[in-house]
């Protein structure tokens, strides 16, 4: 809830929003789950690749193409390709 909230918004938040103890409990659960499941991004991608090799390889290739085309370096490559 922001400080700029109207009295009606504050009353609605107090009626349906979580109390401070609930917010702290949710935050601790999320942080604990994240600490237990903390893995590198490369490990996550490799696990996906092992699950469905063909499909996920195609998805990885598409993602790499999007990243290449969406970055400034990819834009430079595209510009060079268009000019030649």
N, C-alpha and C. Protein backbone atom coordinates (compact mmCIF):
# COMPACT_ATOMS: atom_id res chain seq x y z
N UNK A 1 0.85 -1.17 0.00
CA UNK A 1 0.00 0.00 0.00
C UNK A 1 0.90 1.23 0.00
N UNK A 2 0.62 2.16 -0.90
CA UNK A 2 1.46 3.35 -1.00
C UNK A 2 0.97 4.44 -0.05
N UNK A 3 1.80 5.43 0.16
CA UNK A 3 1.44 6.55 1.04
C UNK A 3 0.41 7.46 0.39
N UNK A 4 0.29 7.42 -0.95
CA UNK A 4 -0.63 8.29 -1.66
C UNK A 4 -2.04 7.71 -1.75
N UNK A 5 -2.31 6.63 -1.08
CA UNK A 5 -3.62 5.98 -1.16
C UNK A 5 -4.69 6.82 -0.48
N UNK A 6 -5.88 6.77 -1.06
CA UNK A 6 -7.01 7.48 -0.47
C UNK A 6 -7.51 6.71 0.74
N UNK A 7 -8.30 7.34 1.57
CA UNK A 7 -8.86 6.62 2.72
C UNK A 7 -9.69 5.40 2.32
N UNK A 8 -10.40 5.50 1.20
CA UNK A 8 -11.18 4.36 0.72
C UNK A 8 -10.28 3.20 0.30
N UNK A 9 -9.17 3.53 -0.37
CA UNK A 9 -8.22 2.49 -0.78
C UNK A 9 -7.58 1.84 0.44
N UNK A 10 -7.25 2.65 1.44
CA UNK A 10 -6.68 2.10 2.67
C UNK A 10 -7.65 1.16 3.37
N UNK A 11 -8.91 1.56 3.42
CA UNK A 11 -9.93 0.72 4.06
C UNK A 11 -10.10 -0.58 3.30
N UNK A 12 -10.09 -0.52 1.97
CA UNK A 12 -10.22 -1.73 1.17
C UNK A 12 -9.01 -2.64 1.37
N UNK A 13 -7.82 -2.06 1.41
CA UNK A 13 -6.61 -2.85 1.62
C UNK A 13 -6.62 -3.51 2.99
N UNK A 14 -7.05 -2.76 4.00
CA UNK A 14 -7.12 -3.33 5.35
C UNK A 14 -8.13 -4.47 5.41
N UNK A 15 -9.18 -4.38 4.60
CA UNK A 15 -10.22 -5.41 4.63
C UNK A 15 -9.79 -6.69 3.92
N UNK A 16 -9.10 -6.57 2.79
CA UNK A 16 -8.79 -7.76 2.00
C UNK A 16 -7.30 -8.08 1.89
N UNK A 17 -6.45 -7.14 2.23
CA UNK A 17 -5.02 -7.35 2.09
C UNK A 17 -4.46 -8.18 3.24
N UNK A 18 -3.28 -8.75 3.02
CA UNK A 18 -2.65 -9.55 4.09
C UNK A 18 -2.12 -8.66 5.20
N UNK A 19 -2.12 -9.20 6.40
CA UNK A 19 -1.55 -8.45 7.51
C UNK A 19 -0.03 -8.61 7.49
N UNK A 20 0.65 -7.86 8.34
CA UNK A 20 2.12 -7.85 8.33
C UNK A 20 2.71 -9.23 8.63
N UNK A 21 2.09 -9.96 9.53
CA UNK A 21 2.59 -11.30 9.87
C UNK A 21 2.48 -12.24 8.67
N UNK A 22 1.38 -12.13 7.92
CA UNK A 22 1.21 -12.97 6.72
C UNK A 22 2.24 -12.62 5.66
N UNK A 23 2.49 -11.34 5.49
CA UNK A 23 3.48 -10.91 4.50
C UNK A 23 4.86 -11.45 4.87
N UNK A 24 5.23 -11.35 6.12
CA UNK A 24 6.54 -11.86 6.56
C UNK A 24 6.62 -13.37 6.41
N UNK A 25 5.52 -14.08 6.71
CA UNK A 25 5.52 -15.53 6.58
C UNK A 25 5.66 -15.94 5.11
N UNK A 26 4.92 -15.27 4.21
CA UNK A 26 5.04 -15.57 2.78
C UNK A 26 6.45 -15.29 2.27
N UNK A 27 7.01 -14.18 2.70
CA UNK A 27 8.37 -13.83 2.27
C UNK A 27 9.38 -14.86 2.73
N UNK A 28 9.26 -15.32 3.96
CA UNK A 28 10.20 -16.32 4.46
C UNK A 28 10.05 -17.65 3.73
N UNK A 29 8.83 -18.04 3.39
CA UNK A 29 8.61 -19.28 2.65
C UNK A 29 9.22 -19.18 1.25
N UNK A 30 9.01 -18.05 0.59
CA UNK A 30 9.54 -17.88 -0.76
C UNK A 30 11.07 -17.87 -0.73
N UNK A 31 11.65 -17.15 0.21
CA UNK A 31 13.12 -17.10 0.29
C UNK A 31 13.71 -18.45 0.64
N UNK A 32 13.04 -19.21 1.51
CA UNK A 32 13.53 -20.55 1.86
C UNK A 32 13.46 -21.48 0.65
N UNK A 33 12.36 -21.41 -0.10
CA UNK A 33 12.23 -22.26 -1.29
C UNK A 33 13.27 -21.88 -2.34
N UNK A 34 13.54 -20.60 -2.48
CA UNK A 34 14.53 -20.16 -3.44
C UNK A 34 15.93 -20.62 -3.03
N UNK A 35 16.23 -20.57 -1.76
CA UNK A 35 17.55 -21.00 -1.28
C UNK A 35 17.75 -22.49 -1.51
N UNK A 36 16.70 -23.27 -1.35
CA UNK A 36 16.81 -24.72 -1.53
C UNK A 36 16.97 -25.06 -3.02
N UNK A 37 16.26 -24.35 -3.88
CA UNK A 37 16.24 -24.68 -5.30
C UNK A 37 17.17 -23.81 -6.13
N UNK A 38 18.11 -23.14 -5.51
CA UNK A 38 19.00 -22.24 -6.23
C UNK A 38 19.94 -23.05 -7.13
N UNK A 39 19.81 -22.85 -8.42
CA UNK A 39 20.67 -23.50 -9.41
C UNK A 39 21.08 -22.47 -10.44
N UNK A 40 22.13 -22.76 -11.13
CA UNK A 40 22.56 -21.84 -12.17
C UNK A 40 21.62 -21.97 -13.37
N UNK A 41 21.60 -20.94 -14.16
CA UNK A 41 20.76 -20.94 -15.34
C UNK A 41 21.21 -22.02 -16.33
N UNK A 42 22.50 -22.23 -16.43
CA UNK A 42 23.01 -23.27 -17.33
C UNK A 42 22.53 -24.65 -16.89
N UNK A 43 22.50 -24.90 -15.58
CA UNK A 43 22.01 -26.19 -15.09
C UNK A 43 20.54 -26.37 -15.41
N UNK A 44 19.77 -25.31 -15.31
CA UNK A 44 18.34 -25.40 -15.65
C UNK A 44 18.15 -25.71 -17.14
N UNK A 45 18.94 -25.05 -17.99
CA UNK A 45 18.81 -25.29 -19.43
C UNK A 45 19.24 -26.72 -19.78
N UNK A 46 20.29 -27.21 -19.14
CA UNK A 46 20.73 -28.58 -19.41
C UNK A 46 19.68 -29.60 -18.96
N UNK A 47 19.03 -29.32 -17.84
CA UNK A 47 17.98 -30.21 -17.38
C UNK A 47 16.81 -30.24 -18.37
N UNK A 48 16.48 -29.08 -18.92
CA UNK A 48 15.43 -29.03 -19.95
C UNK A 48 15.85 -29.80 -21.19
N UNK A 49 17.11 -29.68 -21.56
CA UNK A 49 17.61 -30.38 -22.74
C UNK A 49 17.55 -31.89 -22.56
N UNK A 50 17.84 -32.37 -21.35
CA UNK A 50 17.77 -33.80 -21.08
C UNK A 50 16.34 -34.31 -21.09
N UNK A 51 15.38 -33.47 -20.75
CA UNK A 51 13.99 -33.90 -20.66
C UNK A 51 13.41 -34.23 -22.04
N UNK A 52 13.58 -33.31 -22.99
CA UNK A 52 13.08 -33.53 -24.36
C UNK A 52 14.12 -32.98 -25.32
N UNK A 53 15.08 -33.79 -25.71
CA UNK A 53 16.23 -33.27 -26.47
C UNK A 53 15.86 -32.59 -27.79
N UNK A 54 15.05 -33.21 -28.61
CA UNK A 54 14.77 -32.65 -29.93
C UNK A 54 13.96 -31.36 -29.83
N UNK A 55 12.87 -31.41 -29.12
CA UNK A 55 11.99 -30.25 -29.00
C UNK A 55 12.72 -29.08 -28.35
N UNK A 56 13.41 -29.36 -27.25
CA UNK A 56 14.07 -28.27 -26.54
C UNK A 56 15.28 -27.74 -27.29
N UNK A 57 15.93 -28.56 -28.10
CA UNK A 57 17.03 -28.06 -28.92
C UNK A 57 16.50 -27.04 -29.92
N UNK A 58 15.35 -27.34 -30.51
CA UNK A 58 14.74 -26.38 -31.44
C UNK A 58 14.33 -25.10 -30.72
N UNK A 59 13.80 -25.24 -29.52
CA UNK A 59 13.43 -24.06 -28.74
C UNK A 59 14.66 -23.24 -28.35
N UNK A 60 15.74 -23.91 -27.99
CA UNK A 60 16.97 -23.21 -27.66
C UNK A 60 17.51 -22.45 -28.87
N UNK A 61 17.45 -23.08 -30.02
CA UNK A 61 17.92 -22.43 -31.24
C UNK A 61 17.07 -21.19 -31.55
N UNK A 62 15.77 -21.32 -31.38
CA UNK A 62 14.88 -20.17 -31.62
C UNK A 62 15.18 -19.06 -30.61
N UNK A 63 15.39 -19.42 -29.35
CA UNK A 63 15.70 -18.41 -28.33
C UNK A 63 17.02 -17.72 -28.63
N UNK A 64 18.01 -18.48 -29.08
CA UNK A 64 19.30 -17.89 -29.43
C UNK A 64 19.15 -16.93 -30.60
N UNK A 65 18.33 -17.31 -31.57
CA UNK A 65 18.12 -16.43 -32.73
C UNK A 65 17.43 -15.14 -32.30
N UNK A 66 16.45 -15.25 -31.42
CA UNK A 66 15.76 -14.05 -30.94
C UNK A 66 16.72 -13.16 -30.17
N UNK A 67 17.54 -13.76 -29.30
CA UNK A 67 18.51 -12.96 -28.55
C UNK A 67 19.51 -12.28 -29.47
N UNK A 68 19.95 -12.99 -30.49
CA UNK A 68 20.91 -12.41 -31.42
C UNK A 68 20.29 -11.25 -32.19
N UNK A 69 19.04 -11.42 -32.61
CA UNK A 69 18.40 -10.36 -33.39
C UNK A 69 17.91 -9.20 -32.52
N UNK A 70 17.69 -9.45 -31.24
CA UNK A 70 17.16 -8.41 -30.37
C UNK A 70 18.25 -7.59 -29.68
N UNK A 71 19.48 -7.97 -29.83
CA UNK A 71 20.57 -7.24 -29.18
C UNK A 71 21.19 -6.26 -30.18
N UNK A 72 21.87 -5.27 -29.69
CA UNK A 72 22.55 -4.34 -30.60
C UNK A 72 23.57 -5.05 -31.50
N UNK A 73 24.26 -6.04 -30.97
CA UNK A 73 25.22 -6.77 -31.79
C UNK A 73 24.49 -7.51 -32.92
N UNK A 74 23.36 -8.10 -32.61
CA UNK A 74 22.56 -8.77 -33.62
C UNK A 74 22.07 -7.80 -34.68
N UNK A 75 21.70 -6.59 -34.25
CA UNK A 75 21.27 -5.57 -35.21
C UNK A 75 22.41 -5.18 -36.14
N UNK A 76 23.62 -5.10 -35.60
CA UNK A 76 24.78 -4.80 -36.46
C UNK A 76 25.01 -5.91 -37.48
N UNK A 77 24.90 -7.17 -37.03
CA UNK A 77 25.05 -8.29 -37.97
C UNK A 77 23.99 -8.23 -39.07
N UNK A 78 22.76 -7.91 -38.70
CA UNK A 78 21.69 -7.83 -39.68
C UNK A 78 21.95 -6.68 -40.67
N UNK A 79 22.45 -5.56 -40.15
CA UNK A 79 22.75 -4.43 -41.01
C UNK A 79 23.86 -4.78 -41.99
N UNK A 80 24.89 -5.44 -41.52
CA UNK A 80 25.99 -5.87 -42.39
C UNK A 80 25.46 -6.84 -43.45
N UNK A 81 24.58 -7.75 -43.06
CA UNK A 81 24.04 -8.72 -44.01
C UNK A 81 23.19 -8.02 -45.07
N UNK A 82 22.45 -7.00 -44.67
CA UNK A 82 21.60 -6.28 -45.64
C UNK A 82 22.44 -5.47 -46.63
N UNK A 83 23.54 -4.92 -46.16
CA UNK A 83 24.36 -4.07 -47.03
C UNK A 83 25.23 -4.88 -47.98
N UNK A 84 25.45 -6.14 -47.67
CA UNK A 84 26.33 -6.91 -48.57
C UNK A 84 25.55 -7.71 -49.57
